[in-house]
Amino acid sequence: MKRVLMGMVLGLVTVAGYAQWSDPGEEIPAYHVNPPARGEKLPPVMSGSQLTGEYFRYPWQKKVYEEAAQVQPMLYQMPCYCHCDRALGHTSLHSCFEGTHGAICSTCAKEGAYVYKMTKAGKTAKQIRAGIERKDFESIDLDQIGS
């Protein structure tokens, strides 16, 4: 168990370090241009009793996952600017919420909350993606979510 935890910590440090020195002018991280094909089943976003334990200590962590479950096709069409596509092989922001990554990475959590908010405001995937590329998600205050 200690090896697993140590491996996860090392992985997180690597991802965080990589994101810190990323060139802001570099290419857009991985995402899908179109929504999932009709009948395509996406991997599930963590939910219910999975949203407990050490990765879900703060109300915002659980709330962001609950919101993510409601906008899965939109998440599928969004890039993730923590660059987990390179470090973890993620294919879109949706991948971050299939496991615990969205709970431990503030970039992913803020982007997820932003996608939910903009989807509920009636924005299109293209409009939301443009906002993410402008880093509009950075204005999201996680401490205000779920409280």
C-alpha atoms as a PDB file:
ATOM      1  CA  MET A   1       0.000   0.000   0.000  1.00  0.00           C
ATOM      2  CA  LYS A   2       2.859   2.372   0.808  1.00  0.00           C
ATOM      3  CA  ARG A   3       4.380   1.730  -2.620  1.00  0.00           C
ATOM      4  CA  VAL A   4       1.109   2.542  -4.323  1.00  0.00           C
ATOM      5  CA  LEU A   5       0.691   5.761  -2.359  1.00  0.00           C
ATOM      6  CA  MET A   6       4.305   6.746  -2.950  1.00  0.00           C
ATOM      7  CA  GLY A   7       3.860   6.058  -6.663  1.00  0.00           C
ATOM      8  CA  MET A   8       0.753   8.217  -6.745  1.00  0.00           C
ATOM      9  CA  VAL A   9       2.518  11.046  -4.905  1.00  0.00           C
ATOM     10  CA  LEU A  10       5.455  10.860  -7.308  1.00  0.00           C
ATOM     11  CA  GLY A  11       3.067  10.889 -10.257  1.00  0.00           C
ATOM     12  CA  LEU A  12       1.220  13.917  -8.914  1.00  0.00           C
ATOM     13  CA  VAL A  13       4.458  15.797  -8.303  1.00  0.00           C
ATOM     14  CA  THR A  14       5.521  15.011 -11.859  1.00  0.00           C
ATOM     15  CA  VAL A  15       2.217  16.247 -13.293  1.00  0.00           C
ATOM     16  CA  ALA A  16       2.266  19.394 -11.162  1.00  0.00           C
ATOM     17  CA  GLY A  17       5.862  20.134 -12.065  1.00  0.00           C
ATOM     18  CA  TYR A  18       5.227  19.561 -15.741  1.00  0.00           C
ATOM     19  CA  ALA A  19       2.252  21.933 -15.749  1.00  0.00           C
ATOM     20  CA  GLN A  20       4.245  24.666 -14.001  1.00  0.00           C
ATOM     21  CA  TRP A  21       6.757  24.975 -16.802  1.00  0.00           C
ATOM     22  CA  SER A  22       4.469  24.463 -19.744  1.00  0.00           C
ATOM     23  CA  ASP A  23       4.703  27.061 -22.479  1.00  0.00           C
ATOM     24  CA  PRO A  24       1.373  28.948 -22.521  1.00  0.00           C
ATOM     25  CA  GLY A  25       1.657  29.312 -26.298  1.00  0.00           C
ATOM     26  CA  GLU A  26       1.952  25.604 -26.901  1.00  0.00           C
ATOM     27  CA  GLU A  27      -0.669  23.437 -28.521  1.00  0.00           C
ATOM     28  CA  ILE A  28      -4.060  22.791 -26.984  1.00  0.00           C
ATOM     29  CA  PRO A  29      -4.198  19.614 -24.834  1.00  0.00           C
ATOM     30  CA  ALA A  30      -6.104  16.548 -26.057  1.00  0.00           C
ATOM     31  CA  TYR A  31      -9.875  16.718 -26.503  1.00  0.00           C
ATOM     32  CA  HIS A  32     -12.571  15.410 -28.831  1.00  0.00           C
ATOM     33  CA  VAL A  33     -13.908  17.868 -31.407  1.00  0.00           C
ATOM     34  CA  ASN A  34     -17.332  16.237 -31.484  1.00  0.00           C
ATOM     35  CA  PRO A  35     -19.589  14.757 -28.806  1.00  0.00           C
ATOM     36  CA  PRO A  36     -19.517  10.981 -28.332  1.00  0.00           C
ATOM     37  CA  ALA A  37     -21.011   9.097 -31.267  1.00  0.00           C
ATOM     38  CA  ARG A  38     -24.658   8.109 -30.939  1.00  0.00           C
ATOM     39  CA  GLY A  39     -24.777   4.989 -28.787  1.00  0.00           C
ATOM     40  CA  GLU A  40     -21.155   5.366 -27.612  1.00  0.00           C
ATOM     41  CA  LYS A  41     -20.927   4.742 -23.897  1.00  0.00           C
ATOM     42  CA  LEU A  42     -18.356   6.838 -22.084  1.00  0.00           C
ATOM     43  CA  PRO A  43     -16.442   5.424 -19.127  1.00  0.00           C
ATOM     44  CA  PRO A  44     -18.384   6.389 -16.011  1.00  0.00           C
ATOM     45  CA  VAL A  45     -17.574   9.448 -13.954  1.00  0.00           C
ATOM     46  CA  MET A  46     -16.983   8.446 -10.333  1.00  0.00           C
ATOM     47  CA  SER A  47     -20.183   8.839  -8.320  1.00  0.00           C
ATOM     48  CA  GLY A  48     -22.150   7.911  -5.212  1.00  0.00           C
ATOM     49  CA  SER A  49     -20.206   5.996  -2.579  1.00  0.00           C
ATOM     50  CA  GLN A  50     -17.011   6.404  -4.630  1.00  0.00           C
ATOM     51  CA  LEU A  51     -16.971  10.079  -3.629  1.00  0.00           C
ATOM     52  CA  THR A  52     -15.733   9.431  -0.111  1.00  0.00           C
ATOM     53  CA  GLY A  53     -12.385   8.908   1.545  1.00  0.00           C
ATOM     54  CA  GLU A  54      -9.093  10.723   1.424  1.00  0.00           C
ATOM     55  CA  TYR A  55      -9.614  12.256  -2.028  1.00  0.00           C
ATOM     56  CA  PHE A  56     -12.956  13.769  -1.059  1.00  0.00           C
ATOM     57  CA  ARG A  57     -12.254  15.701   2.132  1.00  0.00           C
ATOM     58  CA  TYR A  58     -13.705  19.000   0.943  1.00  0.00           C
ATOM     59  CA  PRO A  59     -17.285  19.666  -0.158  1.00  0.00           C
ATOM     60  CA  TRP A  60     -16.155  21.042  -3.522  1.00  0.00           C
ATOM     61  CA  GLN A  61     -14.478  17.752  -4.446  1.00  0.00           C
ATOM     62  CA  LYS A  62     -17.731  15.807  -4.231  1.00  0.00           C
ATOM     63  CA  LYS A  63     -19.784  18.617  -5.825  1.00  0.00           C
ATOM     64  CA  VAL A  64     -17.485  18.915  -8.854  1.00  0.00           C
ATOM     65  CA  TYR A  65     -17.910  15.186  -9.538  1.00  0.00           C
ATOM     66  CA  GLU A  66     -21.684  15.387  -9.125  1.00  0.00           C
ATOM     67  CA  GLU A  67     -21.742  18.249 -11.631  1.00  0.00           C
ATOM     68  CA  ALA A  68     -19.369  16.442 -13.983  1.00  0.00           C
ATOM     69  CA  ALA A  69     -21.733  13.466 -14.128  1.00  0.00           C
ATOM     70  CA  GLN A  70     -24.429  15.806 -15.480  1.00  0.00           C
ATOM     71  CA  VAL A  71     -22.331  17.203 -18.357  1.00  0.00           C
ATOM     72  CA  GLN A  72     -20.288  14.221 -19.503  1.00  0.00           C
ATOM     73  CA  PRO A  73     -20.623  14.804 -23.267  1.00  0.00           C
ATOM     74  CA  MET A  74     -19.356  18.375 -22.770  1.00  0.00           C
ATOM     75  CA  LEU A  75     -16.399  17.241 -20.644  1.00  0.00           C
ATOM     76  CA  TYR A  76     -15.539  14.789 -23.432  1.00  0.00           C
ATOM     77  CA  GLN A  77     -15.143  17.747 -25.805  1.00  0.00           C
ATOM     78  CA  MET A  78     -12.868  19.807 -23.543  1.00  0.00           C
ATOM     79  CA  PRO A  79      -9.080  19.969 -23.174  1.00  0.00           C
ATOM     80  CA  CYS A  80      -7.478  19.819 -19.756  1.00  0.00           C
ATOM     81  CA  TYR A  81      -4.836  22.428 -19.091  1.00  0.00           C
ATOM     82  CA  CYS A  82      -3.027  20.514 -16.376  1.00  0.00           C
ATOM     83  CA  HIS A  83      -1.655  18.589 -19.369  1.00  0.00           C
ATOM     84  CA  CYS A  84      -2.648  15.215 -17.972  1.00  0.00           C
ATOM     85  CA  ASP A  85      -2.988  14.088 -21.581  1.00  0.00           C
ATOM     86  CA  ARG A  86       0.797  13.911 -21.725  1.00  0.00           C
ATOM     87  CA  ALA A  87       1.538  12.693 -18.216  1.00  0.00           C
ATOM     88  CA  LEU A  88      -1.435  10.342 -17.686  1.00  0.00           C
ATOM     89  CA  GLY A  89      -2.668   9.606 -21.214  1.00  0.00           C
ATOM     90  CA  HIS A  90      -6.002  11.365 -20.725  1.00  0.00           C
ATOM     91  CA  THR A  91      -7.959  12.027 -23.914  1.00  0.00           C
ATOM     92  CA  SER A  92     -10.099  14.914 -22.637  1.00  0.00           C
ATOM     93  CA  LEU A  93     -11.320  16.579 -19.450  1.00  0.00           C
ATOM     94  CA  HIS A  94     -13.772  13.679 -19.068  1.00  0.00           C
ATOM     95  CA  SER A  95     -10.849  11.336 -18.312  1.00  0.00           C
ATOM     96  CA  CYS A  96      -9.996  13.377 -15.207  1.00  0.00           C
ATOM     97  CA  PHE A  97     -13.325  12.470 -13.606  1.00  0.00           C
ATOM     98  CA  GLU A  98     -13.210   8.757 -14.401  1.00  0.00           C
ATOM     99  CA  GLY A  99     -10.787   8.418 -11.476  1.00  0.00           C
ATOM    100  CA  THR A 100      -9.653  10.602  -8.588  1.00  0.00           C
ATOM    101  CA  HIS A 101      -7.525  12.994 -10.647  1.00  0.00           C
ATOM    102  CA  GLY A 102     -10.318  15.601 -10.825  1.00  0.00           C
ATOM    103  CA  ALA A 103     -10.478  15.663  -7.024  1.00  0.00           C
ATOM    104  CA  ILE A 104      -6.780  16.270  -6.452  1.00  0.00           C
ATOM    105  CA  CYS A 105      -6.012  18.644  -9.315  1.00  0.00           C
ATOM    106  CA  SER A 106      -7.404  22.155  -8.927  1.00  0.00           C
ATOM    107  CA  THR A 107      -7.026  22.845 -12.654  1.00  0.00           C
ATOM    108  CA  CYS A 108      -9.245  19.879 -13.533  1.00  0.00           C
ATOM    109  CA  ALA A 109     -11.736  20.701 -10.783  1.00  0.00           C
ATOM    110  CA  LYS A 110     -12.010  24.350 -11.858  1.00  0.00           C
ATOM    111  CA  GLU A 111     -12.384  23.378 -15.504  1.00  0.00           C
ATOM    112  CA  GLY A 112     -15.077  20.844 -14.595  1.00  0.00           C
ATOM    113  CA  ALA A 113     -16.989  23.433 -12.562  1.00  0.00           C
ATOM    114  CA  TYR A 114     -16.615  25.934 -15.401  1.00  0.00           C
ATOM    115  CA  VAL A 115     -17.950  23.458 -17.974  1.00  0.00           C
ATOM    116  CA  TYR A 116     -20.953  22.725 -15.757  1.00  0.00           C
ATOM    117  CA  LYS A 117     -21.679  26.425 -15.192  1.00  0.00           C
ATOM    118  CA  MET A 118     -21.373  27.336 -18.873  1.00  0.00           C
ATOM    119  CA  THR A 119     -23.412  24.318 -20.011  1.00  0.00           C
ATOM    120  CA  LYS A 120     -26.215  25.327 -17.643  1.00  0.00           C
ATOM    121  CA  ALA A 121     -25.955  28.870 -19.073  1.00  0.00           C
ATOM    122  CA  GLY A 122     -26.684  27.442 -22.543  1.00  0.00           C
ATOM    123  CA  LYS A 123     -23.207  27.808 -24.053  1.00  0.00           C
ATOM    124  CA  THR A 124     -22.114  25.518 -26.885  1.00  0.00           C
ATOM    125  CA  ALA A 125     -19.108  23.199 -26.674  1.00  0.00           C
ATOM    126  CA  LYS A 126     -17.172  25.518 -28.975  1.00  0.00           C
ATOM    127  CA  GLN A 127     -17.943  28.546 -26.773  1.00  0.00           C
ATOM    128  CA  ILE A 128     -16.996  26.677 -23.598  1.00  0.00           C
ATOM    129  CA  ARG A 129     -13.774  25.382 -25.148  1.00  0.00           C
ATOM    130  CA  ALA A 130     -12.863  28.942 -26.189  1.00  0.00           C
ATOM    131  CA  GLY A 131     -13.393  30.050 -22.578  1.00  0.00           C
ATOM    132  CA  ILE A 132     -11.177  27.245 -21.322  1.00  0.00           C
ATOM    133  CA  GLU A 133      -8.490  28.187 -23.839  1.00  0.00           C
ATOM    134  CA  ARG A 134      -8.674  31.770 -22.510  1.00  0.00           C
ATOM    135  CA  LYS A 135      -8.320  30.297 -19.006  1.00  0.00           C
ATOM    136  CA  ASP A 136     -11.684  31.718 -17.880  1.00  0.00           C
ATOM    137  CA  PHE A 137     -11.980  28.718 -15.539  1.00  0.00           C
ATOM    138  CA  GLU A 138      -9.243  30.199 -13.350  1.00  0.00           C
ATOM    139  CA  SER A 139     -11.822  32.579 -11.854  1.00  0.00           C
ATOM    140  CA  ILE A 140     -13.728  29.641 -10.312  1.00  0.00           C
ATOM    141  CA  ASP A 141     -13.418  29.628  -6.505  1.00  0.00           C
ATOM    142  CA  LEU A 142     -13.534  25.975  -5.439  1.00  0.00           C
ATOM    143  CA  ASP A 143     -14.183  26.902  -1.828  1.00  0.00           C
ATOM    144  CA  GLN A 144     -17.505  28.437  -2.908  1.00  0.00           C
ATOM    145  CA  ILE A 145     -18.615  25.184  -4.576  1.00  0.00           C
ATOM    146  CA  GLY A 146     -20.518  22.776  -2.415  1.00  0.00           C
ATOM    147  CA  SER A 147     -20.613  25.022   0.627  1.00  0.00           C
END
